[in-house]
Amino acid sequence: MKTKKLNTALLANLPTVNTLLNDKYGKYGTQTRDELTVKARAWYYGELLKEKRKERKLTQAQLAERIGKKREYIALLEKGETDMQLSTLLRISDALGMRLELTAQ
């Protein structure tokens, strides 16, 4: 099988992810970029919760029952479409055997 060489001149002209995000959502510190960052983090943490729930072989309904919420709420969390209170996050982490740790950046 033949391998093709990368055209480094073309690659050098490709925009970076930050350039694309700046063009579409504005630079860091703007309201639209901050809103995107919040949504991205919510989605990311929702994915982590979903992954851990599946590792524990729990359905959304089972997790919801363990923490006293509805299945639909768990689905929204996993999609990053809703906020949660700290008390709910603590109940979920306990139900999934997770430990929360805060660190300074």
Protein backbone atom coordinates (compact mmCIF):
# COMPACT_ATOMS: atom_id res chain seq x y z
CA MET A 1 0.00 0.00 0.00
CA LYS A 2 1.30 3.44 -0.96
CA THR A 3 1.41 6.16 1.63
CA LYS A 4 0.90 9.75 0.63
CA LYS A 5 3.02 12.55 1.99
CA LEU A 6 1.29 15.34 3.80
CA ASN A 7 1.33 18.70 2.10
CA THR A 8 2.77 20.81 4.93
CA ALA A 9 2.12 24.06 3.04
CA LEU A 10 -1.60 23.27 2.95
CA LEU A 11 -1.59 22.20 6.60
CA ALA A 12 0.12 25.43 7.64
CA ASN A 13 -2.76 27.41 6.11
CA LEU A 14 -5.50 25.53 7.95
CA PRO A 15 -7.19 27.56 10.69
CA THR A 16 -6.77 26.47 14.28
CA VAL A 17 -9.72 25.39 16.40
CA ASN A 18 -9.39 28.60 18.41
CA THR A 19 -9.54 30.66 15.22
CA LEU A 20 -12.72 28.89 14.16
CA LEU A 21 -14.26 29.31 17.62
CA ASN A 22 -13.25 32.98 17.73
CA ASP A 23 -14.90 33.56 14.36
CA LYS A 24 -18.12 31.80 15.32
CA TYR A 25 -18.48 32.57 19.05
CA GLY A 26 -16.14 35.47 19.73
CA LYS A 27 -12.90 35.62 21.69
CA TYR A 28 -12.40 34.42 25.25
CA GLY A 29 -14.18 36.71 27.66
CA THR A 30 -17.09 37.57 25.39
CA GLN A 31 -20.57 36.54 26.46
CA THR A 32 -21.17 34.14 23.56
CA ARG A 33 -17.81 32.42 24.06
CA ASP A 34 -18.38 32.12 27.80
CA GLU A 35 -21.82 30.59 27.15
CA LEU A 36 -20.22 28.08 24.78
CA THR A 37 -17.63 27.18 27.40
CA VAL A 38 -20.32 26.58 30.02
CA LYS A 39 -22.31 24.37 27.62
CA ALA A 40 -19.18 22.44 26.62
CA ARG A 41 -18.28 21.77 30.25
CA ALA A 42 -21.83 20.66 31.04
CA TRP A 43 -21.73 18.23 28.11
CA TYR A 44 -18.29 16.94 29.15
CA TYR A 45 -19.31 16.26 32.74
CA GLY A 46 -22.56 14.71 31.55
CA GLU A 47 -20.53 12.30 29.44
CA LEU A 48 -18.37 11.43 32.44
CA LEU A 49 -21.45 10.69 34.53
CA LYS A 50 -22.98 8.58 31.77
CA GLU A 51 -19.75 6.62 31.33
CA LYS A 52 -19.49 5.94 35.06
CA ARG A 53 -23.19 4.97 35.26
CA LYS A 54 -22.71 2.48 32.45
CA GLU A 55 -19.55 1.08 34.09
CA ARG A 56 -21.67 0.43 37.18
CA LYS A 57 -24.28 -1.25 34.94
CA LEU A 58 -27.02 1.10 36.07
CA THR A 59 -29.86 2.39 33.95
CA GLN A 60 -30.85 6.03 34.10
CA ALA A 61 -33.97 4.97 35.98
CA GLN A 62 -31.94 3.03 38.56
CA LEU A 63 -29.59 5.95 39.16
CA ALA A 64 -32.53 8.34 39.40
CA GLU A 65 -34.19 6.11 41.99
CA ARG A 66 -30.98 5.99 44.05
CA ILE A 67 -30.78 9.77 44.24
CA GLY A 68 -34.50 10.55 44.47
CA LYS A 69 -34.89 12.13 41.02
CA LYS A 70 -36.71 11.24 37.81
CA ARG A 71 -35.10 9.37 34.92
CA GLU A 72 -35.72 12.34 32.62
CA TYR A 73 -33.55 14.49 34.88
CA ILE A 74 -30.64 12.06 34.56
CA ALA A 75 -31.08 12.09 30.77
CA LEU A 76 -30.91 15.91 30.73
CA LEU A 77 -27.78 15.87 32.89
CA GLU A 78 -26.09 13.34 30.65
CA LYS A 79 -26.82 15.51 27.61
CA GLY A 80 -25.50 18.59 29.39
CA GLU A 81 -28.89 20.28 29.06
CA THR A 82 -29.55 21.20 32.68
CA ASP A 83 -27.73 22.46 35.73
CA MET A 84 -27.64 20.61 38.98
CA GLN A 85 -27.28 21.63 42.57
CA LEU A 86 -24.16 20.69 44.44
CA SER A 87 -26.23 18.42 46.70
CA THR A 88 -27.41 16.48 43.63
CA LEU A 89 -23.87 16.15 42.32
CA LEU A 90 -22.79 14.78 45.68
CA ARG A 91 -25.66 12.25 45.73
CA ILE A 92 -24.81 11.14 42.17
CA SER A 93 -21.13 10.79 42.96
CA ASP A 94 -21.97 8.70 46.04
CA ALA A 95 -24.37 6.52 44.03
CA LEU A 96 -21.69 5.92 41.38
CA GLY A 97 -18.81 5.43 43.82
CA MET A 98 -17.05 8.57 42.63
CA ARG A 99 -15.01 11.00 44.69
CA LEU A 100 -15.14 14.72 44.00
CA GLU A 101 -11.98 16.74 44.36
CA LEU A 102 -11.55 20.47 43.94
CA THR A 103 -8.19 21.83 42.87
CA ALA A 104 -6.95 25.31 42.13
CA GLN A 105 -5.86 26.09 38.59
